[in-house]
Amino acid sequence: RLYKNKEKWALAYGRQHFCADMISTQRVEHMHATLKNCLYSCLTIFCFMEQYELFIDSLRQSELEEDVKGFNTRPVTLGIKVLMRPADLYTPTIFEWFKKEVIEAWNCKLEVDIQRTNMYRYH
């Protein structure tokens, strides 16, 4: 009977969360550090539950705000064609990281270190 109502309790255990390459230990450590800032051991169970609900509500609100921002804004691609498709696919945060990597790769200076027949070594 309890399993039939799993939709009601599974959300508390991290259902529907995309965590990229984070392993479960990293997620737990991050959550503990975040919770430590708003929950205290001296709270009564009633106060604890109120604080916990406020904490969860703030997480959900910030997630919704990020979703709205992501759906309603288009990242700046600087006219670089290789950035145009990722701008549609990635979240704004991941896209900015990707854009920085692309720009850094394009700003590198290649010089021939050793030149032999049909072979070049760059540094």
PDB file of N, CA and C in Angstrom:
ATOM      1  N   ARG A   1       0.822  -1.198   0.000  1.00  0.00           N
ATOM      2  CA  ARG A   1       0.000   0.000   0.000  1.00  0.00           C
ATOM      3  C   ARG A   1       0.869   1.266   0.000  1.00  0.00           C
ATOM      4  N   LEU A   2       1.911   1.278   0.801  1.00  0.00           N
ATOM      5  CA  LEU A   2       2.799   2.435   0.857  1.00  0.00           C
ATOM      6  C   LEU A   2       3.475   2.667  -0.493  1.00  0.00           C
ATOM      7  N   TYR A   3       3.866   1.583  -1.178  1.00  0.00           N
ATOM      8  CA  TYR A   3       4.550   1.720  -2.455  1.00  0.00           C
ATOM      9  C   TYR A   3       3.652   2.365  -3.504  1.00  0.00           C
ATOM     10  N   LYS A   4       2.348   2.153  -3.422  1.00  0.00           N
ATOM     11  CA  LYS A   4       1.422   2.758  -4.385  1.00  0.00           C
ATOM     12  C   LYS A   4       1.445   4.282  -4.309  1.00  0.00           C
ATOM     13  N   ASN A   5       1.804   4.814  -3.160  1.00  0.00           N
ATOM     14  CA  ASN A   5       1.858   6.261  -2.963  1.00  0.00           C
ATOM     15  C   ASN A   5       3.270   6.816  -3.133  1.00  0.00           C
ATOM     16  N   LYS A   6       4.109   6.106  -3.863  1.00  0.00           N
ATOM     17  CA  LYS A   6       5.522   6.497  -3.976  1.00  0.00           C
ATOM     18  C   LYS A   6       5.716   7.888  -4.566  1.00  0.00           C
ATOM     19  N   GLU A   7       4.780   8.360  -5.405  1.00  0.00           N
ATOM     20  CA  GLU A   7       4.913   9.699  -5.968  1.00  0.00           C
ATOM     21  C   GLU A   7       4.925  10.762  -4.884  1.00  0.00           C
ATOM     22  N   LYS A   8       4.311  10.474  -3.763  1.00  0.00           N
ATOM     23  CA  LYS A   8       4.243  11.444  -2.679  1.00  0.00           C
ATOM     24  C   LYS A   8       5.531  11.488  -1.861  1.00  0.00           C
ATOM     25  N   TRP A   9       6.261  10.361  -1.780  1.00  0.00           N
ATOM     26  CA  TRP A   9       7.456  10.360  -0.941  1.00  0.00           C
ATOM     27  C   TRP A   9       8.753  10.321  -1.720  1.00  0.00           C
ATOM     28  N   ALA A  10       8.728   9.984  -2.992  1.00  0.00           N
ATOM     29  CA  ALA A  10       9.977   9.844  -3.746  1.00  0.00           C
ATOM     30  C   ALA A  10      10.685  11.173  -3.959  1.00  0.00           C
ATOM     31  N   LEU A  11       9.940  12.276  -4.057  1.00  0.00           N
ATOM     32  CA  LEU A  11      10.555  13.576  -4.286  1.00  0.00           C
ATOM     33  C   LEU A  11      11.538  13.935  -3.180  1.00  0.00           C
ATOM     34  N   ALA A  12      11.234  13.534  -1.967  1.00  0.00           N
ATOM     35  CA  ALA A  12      12.130  13.823  -0.848  1.00  0.00           C
ATOM     36  C   ALA A  12      13.456  13.085  -0.975  1.00  0.00           C
ATOM     37  N   TYR A  13      13.508  12.048  -1.771  1.00  0.00           N
ATOM     38  CA  TYR A  13      14.735  11.267  -1.926  1.00  0.00           C
ATOM     39  C   TYR A  13      15.475  11.584  -3.219  1.00  0.00           C
ATOM     40  N   GLY A  14      15.191  12.715  -3.817  1.00  0.00           N
ATOM     41  CA  GLY A  14      15.994  13.183  -4.943  1.00  0.00           C
ATOM     42  C   GLY A  14      15.497  12.789  -6.313  1.00  0.00           C
ATOM     43  N   ARG A  15      14.264  12.387  -6.454  1.00  0.00           N
ATOM     44  CA  ARG A  15      13.728  12.026  -7.765  1.00  0.00           C
ATOM     45  C   ARG A  15      13.695  13.265  -8.657  1.00  0.00           C
ATOM     46  N   GLN A  16      13.927  13.069  -9.912  1.00  0.00           N
ATOM     47  CA  GLN A  16      13.856  14.113 -10.946  1.00  0.00           C
ATOM     48  C   GLN A  16      14.907  15.204 -10.777  1.00  0.00           C
ATOM     49  N   HIS A  17      16.066  14.854 -10.300  1.00  0.00           N
ATOM     50  CA  HIS A  17      17.144  15.833 -10.187  1.00  0.00           C
ATOM     51  C   HIS A  17      18.285  15.422 -11.104  1.00  0.00           C
ATOM     52  N   PHE A  18      18.761  16.362 -11.887  1.00  0.00           N
ATOM     53  CA  PHE A  18      19.913  16.131 -12.741  1.00  0.00           C
ATOM     54  C   PHE A  18      21.134  16.695 -12.042  1.00  0.00           C
ATOM     55  N   CYS A  19      22.106  15.854 -11.785  1.00  0.00           N
ATOM     56  CA  CYS A  19      23.270  16.282 -11.008  1.00  0.00           C
ATOM     57  C   CYS A  19      24.570  16.164 -11.788  1.00  0.00           C
ATOM     58  N   ALA A  20      24.497  16.109 -13.107  1.00  0.00           N
ATOM     59  CA  ALA A  20      25.682  16.045 -13.968  1.00  0.00           C
ATOM     60  C   ALA A  20      26.617  14.946 -13.493  1.00  0.00           C
ATOM     61  N   ASP A  21      27.868  15.284 -13.237  1.00  0.00           N
ATOM     62  CA  ASP A  21      28.842  14.278 -12.830  1.00  0.00           C
ATOM     63  C   ASP A  21      29.010  14.175 -11.322  1.00  0.00           C
ATOM     64  N   MET A  22      28.118  14.786 -10.579  1.00  0.00           N
ATOM     65  CA  MET A  22      28.238  14.717  -9.125  1.00  0.00           C
ATOM     66  C   MET A  22      27.919  13.304  -8.653  1.00  0.00           C
ATOM     67  N   ILE A  23      28.760  12.777  -7.807  1.00  0.00           N
ATOM     68  CA  ILE A  23      28.464  11.481  -7.215  1.00  0.00           C
ATOM     69  C   ILE A  23      27.605  11.716  -5.979  1.00  0.00           C
ATOM     70  N   SER A  24      26.979  10.668  -5.499  1.00  0.00           N
ATOM     71  CA  SER A  24      26.037  10.829  -4.393  1.00  0.00           C
ATOM     72  C   SER A  24      26.702  11.420  -3.154  1.00  0.00           C
ATOM     73  N   THR A  25      27.964  11.108  -2.919  1.00  0.00           N
ATOM     74  CA  THR A  25      28.667  11.666  -1.762  1.00  0.00           C
ATOM     75  C   THR A  25      28.767  13.181  -1.874  1.00  0.00           C
ATOM     76  N   GLN A  26      29.068  13.673  -3.064  1.00  0.00           N
ATOM     77  CA  GLN A  26      29.154  15.119  -3.267  1.00  0.00           C
ATOM     78  C   GLN A  26      27.807  15.787  -3.030  1.00  0.00           C
ATOM     79  N   ARG A  27      26.741  15.158  -3.524  1.00  0.00           N
ATOM     80  CA  ARG A  27      25.400  15.713  -3.318  1.00  0.00           C
ATOM     81  C   ARG A  27      25.067  15.780  -1.840  1.00  0.00           C
ATOM     82  N   VAL A  28      25.365  14.701  -1.123  1.00  0.00           N
ATOM     83  CA  VAL A  28      25.061  14.647   0.310  1.00  0.00           C
ATOM     84  C   VAL A  28      25.864  15.700   1.062  1.00  0.00           C
ATOM     85  N   GLU A  29      27.156  15.816   0.760  1.00  0.00           N
ATOM     86  CA  GLU A  29      27.992  16.805   1.446  1.00  0.00           C
ATOM     87  C   GLU A  29      27.505  18.227   1.166  1.00  0.00           C
ATOM     88  N   HIS A  30      27.125  18.489  -0.070  1.00  0.00           N
ATOM     89  CA  HIS A  30      26.605  19.815  -0.412  1.00  0.00           C
ATOM     90  C   HIS A  30      25.303  20.091   0.337  1.00  0.00           C
ATOM     91  N   MET A  31      24.415  19.103   0.374  1.00  0.00           N
ATOM     92  CA  MET A  31      23.138  19.285   1.061  1.00  0.00           C
ATOM     93  C   MET A  31      23.355  19.488   2.560  1.00  0.00           C
ATOM     94  N   HIS A  32      24.277  18.741   3.156  1.00  0.00           N
ATOM     95  CA  HIS A  32      24.570  18.908   4.586  1.00  0.00           C
ATOM     96  C   HIS A  32      25.090  20.314   4.870  1.00  0.00           C
ATOM     97  N   ALA A  33      25.992  20.792   4.041  1.00  0.00           N
ATOM     98  CA  ALA A  33      26.544  22.135   4.244  1.00  0.00           C
ATOM     99  C   ALA A  33      25.455  23.196   4.096  1.00  0.00           C
ATOM    100  N   THR A  34      24.570  23.007   3.136  1.00  0.00           N
ATOM    101  CA  THR A  34      23.486  23.959   2.925  1.00  0.00           C
ATOM    102  C   THR A  34      22.492  23.930   4.083  1.00  0.00           C
ATOM    103  N   LEU A  35      22.135  22.739   4.512  1.00  0.00           N
ATOM    104  CA  LEU A  35      21.177  22.608   5.617  1.00  0.00           C
ATOM    105  C   LEU A  35      21.742  23.128   6.934  1.00  0.00           C
ATOM    106  N   LYS A  36      23.041  22.991   7.109  1.00  0.00           N
ATOM    107  CA  LYS A  36      23.671  23.436   8.353  1.00  0.00           C
ATOM    108  C   LYS A  36      23.471  24.937   8.573  1.00  0.00           C
ATOM    109  N   ASN A  37      23.341  25.685   7.487  1.00  0.00           N
ATOM    110  CA  ASN A  37      23.161  27.134   7.592  1.00  0.00           C
ATOM    111  C   ASN A  37      21.771  27.543   8.072  1.00  0.00           C
ATOM    112  N   CYS A  38      20.784  26.665   7.938  1.00  0.00           N
ATOM    113  CA  CYS A  38      19.423  27.078   8.305  1.00  0.00           C
ATOM    114  C   CYS A  38      18.748  26.182   9.336  1.00  0.00           C
ATOM    115  N   LEU A  39      19.334  25.042   9.646  1.00  0.00           N
ATOM    116  CA  LEU A  39      18.736  24.140  10.628  1.00  0.00           C
ATOM    117  C   LEU A  39      19.689  23.956  11.800  1.00  0.00           C
ATOM    118  N   TYR A  40      19.123  23.942  12.996  1.00  0.00           N
ATOM    119  CA  TYR A  40      19.941  23.842  14.204  1.00  0.00           C
ATOM    120  C   TYR A  40      19.453  22.684  15.061  1.00  0.00           C
ATOM    121  N   SER A  41      20.350  22.060  15.789  1.00  0.00           N
ATOM    122  CA  SER A  41      19.994  20.906  16.612  1.00  0.00           C
ATOM    123  C   SER A  41      19.140  21.278  17.818  1.00  0.00           C
ATOM    124  N   CYS A  42      19.136  22.527  18.228  1.00  0.00           N
ATOM    125  CA  CYS A  42      18.362  22.943  19.399  1.00  0.00           C
ATOM    126  C   CYS A  42      16.896  23.228  19.077  1.00  0.00           C
ATOM    127  N   LEU A  43      16.491  23.114  17.823  1.00  0.00           N
ATOM    128  CA  LEU A  43      15.105  23.394  17.438  1.00  0.00           C
ATOM    129  C   LEU A  43      14.169  22.278  17.897  1.00  0.00           C
ATOM    130  N   THR A  44      12.957  22.664  18.239  1.00  0.00           N
ATOM    131  CA  THR A  44      11.934  21.649  18.503  1.00  0.00           C
ATOM    132  C   THR A  44      11.560  21.014  17.173  1.00  0.00           C
ATOM    133  N   ILE A  45      10.892  19.875  17.235  1.00  0.00           N
ATOM    134  CA  ILE A  45      10.533  19.191  15.992  1.00  0.00           C
ATOM    135  C   ILE A  45       9.598  20.057  15.144  1.00  0.00           C
ATOM    136  N   PHE A  46       8.712  20.789  15.795  1.00  0.00           N
ATOM    137  CA  PHE A  46       7.801  21.674  15.072  1.00  0.00           C
ATOM    138  C   PHE A  46       8.575  22.785  14.363  1.00  0.00           C
ATOM    139  N   CYS A  47       9.484  23.437  15.085  1.00  0.00           N
ATOM    140  CA  CYS A  47      10.297  24.507  14.478  1.00  0.00           C
ATOM    141  C   CYS A  47      11.197  23.956  13.380  1.00  0.00           C
ATOM    142  N   PHE A  48      11.739  22.759  13.622  1.00  0.00           N
ATOM    143  CA  PHE A  48      12.576  22.117  12.610  1.00  0.00           C
ATOM    144  C   PHE A  48      11.792  21.923  11.315  1.00  0.00           C
ATOM    145  N   MET A  49      10.570  21.401  11.426  1.00  0.00           N
ATOM    146  CA  MET A  49       9.765  21.151  10.232  1.00  0.00           C
ATOM    147  C   MET A  49       9.397  22.455   9.528  1.00  0.00           C
ATOM    148  N   GLU A  50       9.116  23.491  10.291  1.00  0.00           N
ATOM    149  CA  GLU A  50       8.836  24.794   9.669  1.00  0.00           C
ATOM    150  C   GLU A  50      10.052  25.302   8.905  1.00  0.00           C
ATOM    151  N   GLN A  51      11.223  25.229   9.540  1.00  0.00           N
ATOM    152  CA  GLN A  51      12.465  25.687   8.896  1.00  0.00           C
ATOM    153  C   GLN A  51      12.778  24.846   7.658  1.00  0.00           C
ATOM    154  N   TYR A  52      12.571  23.539   7.781  1.00  0.00           N
ATOM    155  CA  TYR A  52      12.846  22.642   6.662  1.00  0.00           C
ATOM    156  C   TYR A  52      11.925  22.961   5.481  1.00  0.00           C
ATOM    157  N   GLU A  53      10.649  23.189   5.758  1.00  0.00           N
ATOM    158  CA  GLU A  53       9.705  23.555   4.697  1.00  0.00           C
ATOM    159  C   GLU A  53      10.118  24.858   4.020  1.00  0.00           C
ATOM    160  N   LEU A  54      10.529  25.842   4.804  1.00  0.00           N
ATOM    161  CA  LEU A  54      10.999  27.109   4.230  1.00  0.00           C
ATOM    162  C   LEU A  54      12.228  26.879   3.354  1.00  0.00           C
ATOM    163  N   PHE A  55      13.121  26.031   3.819  1.00  0.00           N
ATOM    164  CA  PHE A  55      14.331  25.706   3.064  1.00  0.00           C
ATOM    165  C   PHE A  55      13.973  25.061   1.721  1.00  0.00           C
ATOM    166  N   ILE A  56      13.098  24.063   1.750  1.00  0.00           N
ATOM    167  CA  ILE A  56      12.690  23.372   0.522  1.00  0.00           C
ATOM    168  C   ILE A  56      11.966  24.339  -0.417  1.00  0.00           C
ATOM    169  N   ASP A  57      11.094  25.172   0.138  1.00  0.00           N
ATOM    170  CA  ASP A  57      10.392  26.160  -0.690  1.00  0.00           C
ATOM    171  C   ASP A  57      11.368  27.115  -1.370  1.00  0.00           C
ATOM    172  N   SER A  58      12.396  27.545  -0.645  1.00  0.00           N
ATOM    173  CA  SER A  58      13.375  28.458  -1.251  1.00  0.00           C
ATOM    174  C   SER A  58      14.173  27.758  -2.349  1.00  0.00           C
ATOM    175  N   LEU A  59      14.503  26.474  -2.157  1.00  0.00           N
ATOM    176  CA  LEU A  59      15.193  25.722  -3.211  1.00  0.00           C
ATOM    177  C   LEU A  59      14.326  25.615  -4.461  1.00  0.00           C
ATOM    178  N   ARG A  60      13.070  25.291  -4.268  1.00  0.00           N
ATOM    179  CA  ARG A  60      12.160  25.156  -5.407  1.00  0.00           C
ATOM    180  C   ARG A  60      11.952  26.494  -6.111  1.00  0.00           C
ATOM    181  N   GLN A  61      11.837  27.563  -5.331  1.00  0.00           N
ATOM    182  CA  GLN A  61      11.657  28.894  -5.916  1.00  0.00           C
ATOM    183  C   GLN A  61      12.867  29.295  -6.755  1.00  0.00           C
ATOM    184  N   SER A  62      14.059  29.062  -6.224  1.00  0.00           N
ATOM    185  CA  SER A  62      15.260  29.427  -6.988  1.00  0.00           C
ATOM    186  C   SER A  62      15.384  28.573  -8.245  1.00  0.00           C
ATOM    187  N   GLU A  63      14.963  27.309  -8.172  1.00  0.00           N
ATOM    188  CA  GLU A  63      14.989  26.456  -9.355  1.00  0.00           C
ATOM    189  C   GLU A  63      14.008  26.972 -10.408  1.00  0.00           C
ATOM    190  N   LEU A  64      12.817  27.376  -9.978  1.00  0.00           N
ATOM    191  CA  LEU A  64      11.837  27.932 -10.914  1.00  0.00           C
ATOM    192  C   LEU A  64      12.345  29.222 -11.550  1.00  0.00           C
ATOM    193  N   GLU A  65      12.987  30.075 -10.755  1.00  0.00           N
ATOM    194  CA  GLU A  65      13.538  31.322 -11.294  1.00  0.00           C
ATOM    195  C   GLU A  65      14.610  31.038 -12.337  1.00  0.00           C
ATOM    196  N   GLU A  66      15.458  30.049 -12.070  1.00  0.00           N
ATOM    197  CA  GLU A  66      16.488  29.677 -13.048  1.00  0.00           C
ATOM    198  C   GLU A  66      15.859  29.105 -14.313  1.00  0.00           C
ATOM    199  N   ASP A  67      14.788  28.324 -14.167  1.00  0.00           N
ATOM    200  CA  ASP A  67      14.094  27.787 -15.339  1.00  0.00           C
ATOM    201  C   ASP A  67      13.519  28.908 -16.193  1.00  0.00           C
ATOM    202  N   VAL A  68      12.860  29.873 -15.566  1.00  0.00           N
ATOM    203  CA  VAL A  68      12.284  31.004 -16.298  1.00  0.00           C
ATOM    204  C   VAL A  68      13.386  31.775 -17.008  1.00  0.00           C
ATOM    205  N   LYS A  69      14.471  32.025 -16.292  1.00  0.00           N
ATOM    206  CA  LYS A  69      15.608  32.741 -16.887  1.00  0.00           C
ATOM    207  C   LYS A  69      16.174  31.966 -18.076  1.00  0.00           C
ATOM    208  N   GLY A  70      16.298  30.649 -17.924  1.00  0.00           N
ATOM    209  CA  GLY A  70      16.848  29.828 -18.993  1.00  0.00           C
ATOM    210  C   GLY A  70      15.960  29.758 -20.220  1.00  0.00           C
ATOM    211  N   PHE A  71      14.642  29.732 -20.010  1.00  0.00           N
ATOM    212  CA  PHE A  71      13.714  29.634 -21.134  1.00  0.00           C
ATOM    213  C   PHE A  71      13.478  30.966 -21.822  1.00  0.00           C
ATOM    214  N   ASN A  72      13.659  32.069 -21.124  1.00  0.00           N
ATOM    215  CA  ASN A  72      13.313  33.378 -21.673  1.00  0.00           C
ATOM    216  C   ASN A  72      14.500  34.219 -22.112  1.00  0.00           C
ATOM    217  N   THR A  73      15.693  33.731 -21.956  1.00  0.00           N
ATOM    218  CA  THR A  73      16.867  34.480 -22.400  1.00  0.00           C
ATOM    219  C   THR A  73      17.682  33.621 -23.356  1.00  0.00           C
ATOM    220  N   ARG A  74      18.379  34.283 -24.217  1.00  0.00           N
ATOM    221  CA  ARG A  74      19.264  33.574 -25.149  1.00  0.00           C
ATOM    222  C   ARG A  74      20.684  34.022 -24.857  1.00  0.00           C
ATOM    223  N   PRO A  75      21.584  33.065 -24.653  1.00  0.00           N
ATOM    224  CA  PRO A  75      22.972  33.426 -24.367  1.00  0.00           C
ATOM    225  C   PRO A  75      23.631  34.158 -25.530  1.00  0.00           C
ATOM    226  N   VAL A  76      24.609  34.972 -25.224  1.00  0.00           N
ATOM    227  CA  VAL A  76      25.359  35.719 -26.229  1.00  0.00           C
ATOM    228  C   VAL A  76      26.372  34.774 -26.865  1.00  0.00           C
ATOM    229  N   THR A  77      26.279  34.604 -28.190  1.00  0.00           N
ATOM    230  CA  THR A  77      27.176  33.684 -28.893  1.00  0.00           C
ATOM    231  C   THR A  77      28.343  34.389 -29.565  1.00  0.00           C
ATOM    232  N   LEU A  78      28.373  35.716 -29.513  1.00  0.00           N
ATOM    233  CA  LEU A  78      29.459  36.507 -30.099  1.00  0.00           C
ATOM    234  C   LEU A  78      29.630  36.252 -31.591  1.00  0.00           C
ATOM    235  N   GLY A  79      28.595  35.732 -32.246  1.00  0.00           N
ATOM    236  CA  GLY A  79      28.673  35.451 -33.673  1.00  0.00           C
ATOM    237  C   GLY A  79      29.526  34.240 -34.017  1.00  0.00           C
ATOM    238  N   ILE A  80      29.935  33.483 -33.024  1.00  0.00           N
ATOM    239  CA  ILE A  80      30.763  32.294 -33.250  1.00  0.00           C
ATOM    240  C   ILE A  80      29.835  31.122 -33.550  1.00  0.00           C
ATOM    241  N   LYS A  81      29.957  30.548 -34.729  1.00  0.00           N
ATOM    242  CA  LYS A  81      29.029  29.505 -35.163  1.00  0.00           C
ATOM    243  C   LYS A  81      29.068  28.267 -34.276  1.00  0.00           C
ATOM    244  N   VAL A  82      30.223  27.918 -33.767  1.00  0.00           N
ATOM    245  CA  VAL A  82      30.330  26.714 -32.939  1.00  0.00           C
ATOM    246  C   VAL A  82      29.569  26.876 -31.617  1.00  0.00           C
ATOM    247  N   LEU A  83      29.230  28.099 -31.243  1.00  0.00           N
ATOM    248  CA  LEU A  83      28.493  28.344 -30.001  1.00  0.00           C
ATOM    249  C   LEU A  83      26.979  28.400 -30.199  1.00  0.00           C
ATOM    250  N   MET A  84      26.522  28.468 -31.430  1.00  0.00           N
ATOM    251  CA  MET A  84      25.094  28.683 -31.661  1.00  0.00           C
ATOM    252  C   MET A  84      24.233  27.488 -31.262  1.00  0.00           C
ATOM    253  N   ARG A  85      24.621  26.290 -31.613  1.00  0.00           N
ATOM    254  CA  ARG A  85      23.832  25.102 -31.232  1.00  0.00           C
ATOM    255  C   ARG A  85      23.893  24.851 -29.723  1.00  0.00           C
ATOM    256  N   PRO A  86      25.065  24.881 -29.093  1.00  0.00           N
ATOM    257  CA  PRO A  86      25.100  24.707 -27.633  1.00  0.00           C
ATOM    258  C   PRO A  86      24.288  25.760 -26.881  1.00  0.00           C
ATOM    259  N   ALA A  87      24.146  26.956 -27.445  1.00  0.00           N
ATOM    260  CA  ALA A  87      23.341  27.997 -26.794  1.00  0.00           C
ATOM    261  C   ALA A  87      21.891  27.550 -26.653  1.00  0.00           C
ATOM    262  N   ASP A  88      21.418  26.733 -27.584  1.00  0.00           N
ATOM    263  CA  ASP A  88      20.048  26.219 -27.515  1.00  0.00           C
ATOM    264  C   ASP A  88      19.928  24.998 -26.611  1.00  0.00           C
ATOM    265  N   LEU A  89      21.016  24.259 -26.448  1.00  0.00           N
ATOM    266  CA  LEU A  89      20.958  22.991 -25.726  1.00  0.00           C
ATOM    267  C   LEU A  89      21.302  23.098 -24.247  1.00  0.00           C
ATOM    268  N   TYR A  90      22.295  23.911 -23.912  1.00  0.00           N
ATOM    269  CA  TYR A  90      22.819  23.930 -22.545  1.00  0.00           C
ATOM    270  C   TYR A  90      22.079  24.922 -21.662  1.00  0.00           C
ATOM    271  N   THR A  91      22.159  24.689 -20.363  1.00  0.00           N
ATOM    272  CA  THR A  91      21.651  25.671 -19.409  1.00  0.00           C
ATOM    273  C   THR A  91      22.556  26.895 -19.483  1.00  0.00           C
ATOM    274  N   PRO A  92      22.078  28.064 -19.056  1.00  0.00           N
ATOM    275  CA  PRO A  92      22.918  29.264 -19.127  1.00  0.00           C
ATOM    276  C   PRO A  92      24.261  29.108 -18.408  1.00  0.00           C
ATOM    277  N   THR A  93      24.266  28.471 -17.266  1.00  0.00           N
ATOM    278  CA  THR A  93      25.513  28.294 -16.511  1.00  0.00           C
ATOM    279  C   THR A  93      26.492  27.410 -17.263  1.00  0.00           C
ATOM    280  N   ILE A  94      26.014  26.275 -17.771  1.00  0.00           N
ATOM    281  CA  ILE A  94      26.883  25.350 -18.509  1.00  0.00           C
ATOM    282  C   ILE A  94      27.336  25.987 -19.817  1.00  0.00           C
ATOM    283  N   PHE A  95      26.443  26.730 -20.473  1.00  0.00           N
ATOM    284  CA  PHE A  95      26.832  27.387 -21.715  1.00  0.00           C
ATOM    285  C   PHE A  95      27.949  28.396 -21.477  1.00  0.00           C
ATOM    286  N   GLU A  96      27.858  29.184 -20.417  1.00  0.00           N
ATOM    287  CA  GLU A  96      28.914  30.165 -20.119  1.00  0.00           C
ATOM    288  C   GLU A  96      30.249  29.466 -19.883  1.00  0.00           C
ATOM    289  N   TRP A  97      30.216  28.336 -19.191  1.00  0.00           N
ATOM    290  CA  TRP A  97      31.441  27.555 -18.976  1.00  0.00           C
ATOM    291  C   TRP A  97      31.987  27.070 -20.320  1.00  0.00           C
ATOM    292  N   PHE A  98      31.110  26.534 -21.184  1.00  0.00           N
ATOM    293  CA  PHE A  98      31.515  26.040 -22.493  1.00  0.00           C
ATOM    294  C   PHE A  98      32.077  27.170 -23.345  1.00  0.00           C
ATOM    295  N   LYS A  99      31.399  28.323 -23.346  1.00  0.00           N
ATOM    296  CA  LYS A  99      31.851  29.478 -24.130  1.00  0.00           C
ATOM    297  C   LYS A  99      33.240  29.920 -23.682  1.00  0.00           C
ATOM    298  N   LYS A 100      33.465  29.957 -22.378  1.00  0.00           N
ATOM    299  CA  LYS A 100      34.782  30.339 -21.854  1.00  0.00           C
ATOM    300  C   LYS A 100      35.862  29.375 -22.351  1.00  0.00           C
ATOM    301  N   GLU A 101      35.554  28.078 -22.326  1.00  0.00           N
ATOM    302  CA  GLU A 101      36.515  27.074 -22.800  1.00  0.00           C
ATOM    303  C   GLU A 101      36.820  27.252 -24.289  1.00  0.00           C
ATOM    304  N   VAL A 102      35.790  27.510 -25.094  1.00  0.00           N
ATOM    305  CA  VAL A 102      35.987  27.701 -26.541  1.00  0.00           C
ATOM    306  C   VAL A 102      36.845  28.931 -26.795  1.00  0.00           C
ATOM    307  N   ILE A 103      36.540  30.026 -26.125  1.00  0.00           N
ATOM    308  CA  ILE A 103      37.297  31.264 -26.327  1.00  0.00           C
ATOM    309  C   ILE A 103      38.743  31.094 -25.892  1.00  0.00           C
ATOM    310  N   GLU A 104      38.967  30.420 -24.767  1.00  0.00           N
ATOM    311  CA  GLU A 104      40.345  30.173 -24.320  1.00  0.00           C
ATOM    312  C   GLU A 104      41.096  29.304 -25.318  1.00  0.00           C
ATOM    313  N   ALA A 105      40.423  28.307 -25.886  1.00  0.00           N
ATOM    314  CA  ALA A 105      41.075  27.434 -26.865  1.00  0.00           C
ATOM    315  C   ALA A 105      41.432  28.212 -28.125  1.00  0.00           C
ATOM    316  N   TRP A 106      40.576  29.142 -28.532  1.00  0.00           N
ATOM    317  CA  TRP A 106      40.839  29.921 -29.735  1.00  0.00           C
ATOM    318  C   TRP A 106      41.860  31.017 -29.509  1.00  0.00           C
ATOM    319  N   ASN A 107      42.090  31.392 -28.288  1.00  0.00           N
ATOM    320  CA  ASN A 107      43.066  32.435 -27.993  1.00  0.00           C
ATOM    321  C   ASN A 107      44.476  31.897 -27.773  1.00  0.00           C
ATOM    322  N   CYS A 108      44.641  30.605 -27.889  1.00  0.00           N
ATOM    323  CA  CYS A 108      45.980  30.060 -27.668  1.00  0.00           C
ATOM    324  C   CYS A 108      46.875  30.385 -28.870  1.00  0.00           C
ATOM    325  N   LYS A 109      48.144  30.436 -28.614  1.00  0.00           N
ATOM    326  CA  LYS A 109      49.117  30.751 -29.660  1.00  0.00           C
ATOM    327  C   LYS A 109      49.918  29.487 -29.939  1.00  0.00           C
ATOM    328  N   LEU A 110      49.898  29.056 -31.178  1.00  0.00           N
ATOM    329  CA  LEU A 110      50.638  27.860 -31.560  1.00  0.00           C
ATOM    330  C   LEU A 110      51.915  28.272 -32.281  1.00  0.00           C
ATOM    331  N   GLU A 111      53.002  27.704 -31.839  1.00  0.00           N
ATOM    332  CA  GLU A 111      54.281  27.936 -32.496  1.00  0.00           C
ATOM    333  C   GLU A 111      54.901  26.584 -32.812  1.00  0.00           C
ATOM    334  N   VAL A 112      55.567  26.523 -33.946  1.00  0.00           N
ATOM    335  CA  VAL A 112      56.222  25.279 -34.326  1.00  0.00           C
ATOM    336  C   VAL A 112      57.444  25.089 -33.444  1.00  0.00           C
ATOM    337  N   ASP A 113      57.471  23.964 -32.751  1.00  0.00           N
ATOM    338  CA  ASP A 113      58.584  23.633 -31.872  1.00  0.00           C
ATOM    339  C   ASP A 113      59.646  22.862 -32.665  1.00  0.00           C
ATOM    340  N   ILE A 114      59.202  21.836 -33.362  1.00  0.00           N
ATOM    341  CA  ILE A 114      60.107  21.041 -34.195  1.00  0.00           C
ATOM    342  C   ILE A 114      59.406  20.809 -35.530  1.00  0.00           C
ATOM    343  N   GLN A 115      60.140  21.033 -36.612  1.00  0.00           N
ATOM    344  CA  GLN A 115      59.555  20.818 -37.925  1.00  0.00           C
ATOM    345  C   GLN A 115      60.393  19.779 -38.645  1.00  0.00           C
ATOM    346  N   ARG A 116      59.737  18.683 -38.963  1.00  0.00           N
ATOM    347  CA  ARG A 116      60.384  17.635 -39.746  1.00  0.00           C
ATOM    348  C   ARG A 116      59.534  17.396 -40.986  1.00  0.00           C
ATOM    349  N   THR A 117      59.957  16.499 -41.816  1.00  0.00           N
ATOM    350  CA  THR A 117      59.212  16.206 -43.032  1.00  0.00           C
ATOM    351  C   THR A 117      57.811  15.710 -42.691  1.00  0.00           C
ATOM    352  N   ASN A 118      56.807  16.430 -43.149  1.00  0.00           N
ATOM    353  CA  ASN A 118      55.393  16.096 -42.949  1.00  0.00           C
ATOM    354  C   ASN A 118      54.979  15.942 -41.488  1.00  0.00           C
ATOM    355  N   MET A 119      55.749  16.496 -40.557  1.00  0.00           N
ATOM    356  CA  MET A 119      55.386  16.382 -39.152  1.00  0.00           C
ATOM    357  C   MET A 119      55.768  17.667 -38.423  1.00  0.00           C
ATOM    358  N   TYR A 120      54.841  18.176 -37.643  1.00  0.00           N
ATOM    359  CA  TYR A 120      55.078  19.378 -36.851  1.00  0.00           C
ATOM    360  C   TYR A 120      54.774  19.075 -35.391  1.00  0.00           C
ATOM    361  N   ARG A 121      55.553  19.654 -34.512  1.00  0.00           N
ATOM    362  CA  ARG A 121      55.269  19.554 -33.076  1.00  0.00           C
ATOM    363  C   ARG A 121      55.067  20.970 -32.569  1.00  0.00           C
ATOM    364  N   TYR A 122      53.921  21.189 -31.925  1.00  0.00           N
ATOM    365  CA  TYR A 122      53.575  22.519 -31.433  1.00  0.00           C
ATOM    366  C   TYR A 122      53.688  22.569 -29.926  1.00  0.00           C
ATOM    367  N   HIS A 123      53.898  23.769 -29.426  1.00  0.00           N
ATOM    368  CA  HIS A 123      53.857  23.980 -27.967  1.00  0.00           C
ATOM    369  C   HIS A 123      53.024  25.195 -27.666  1.00  0.00           C
TER     370      HIS A 123
END
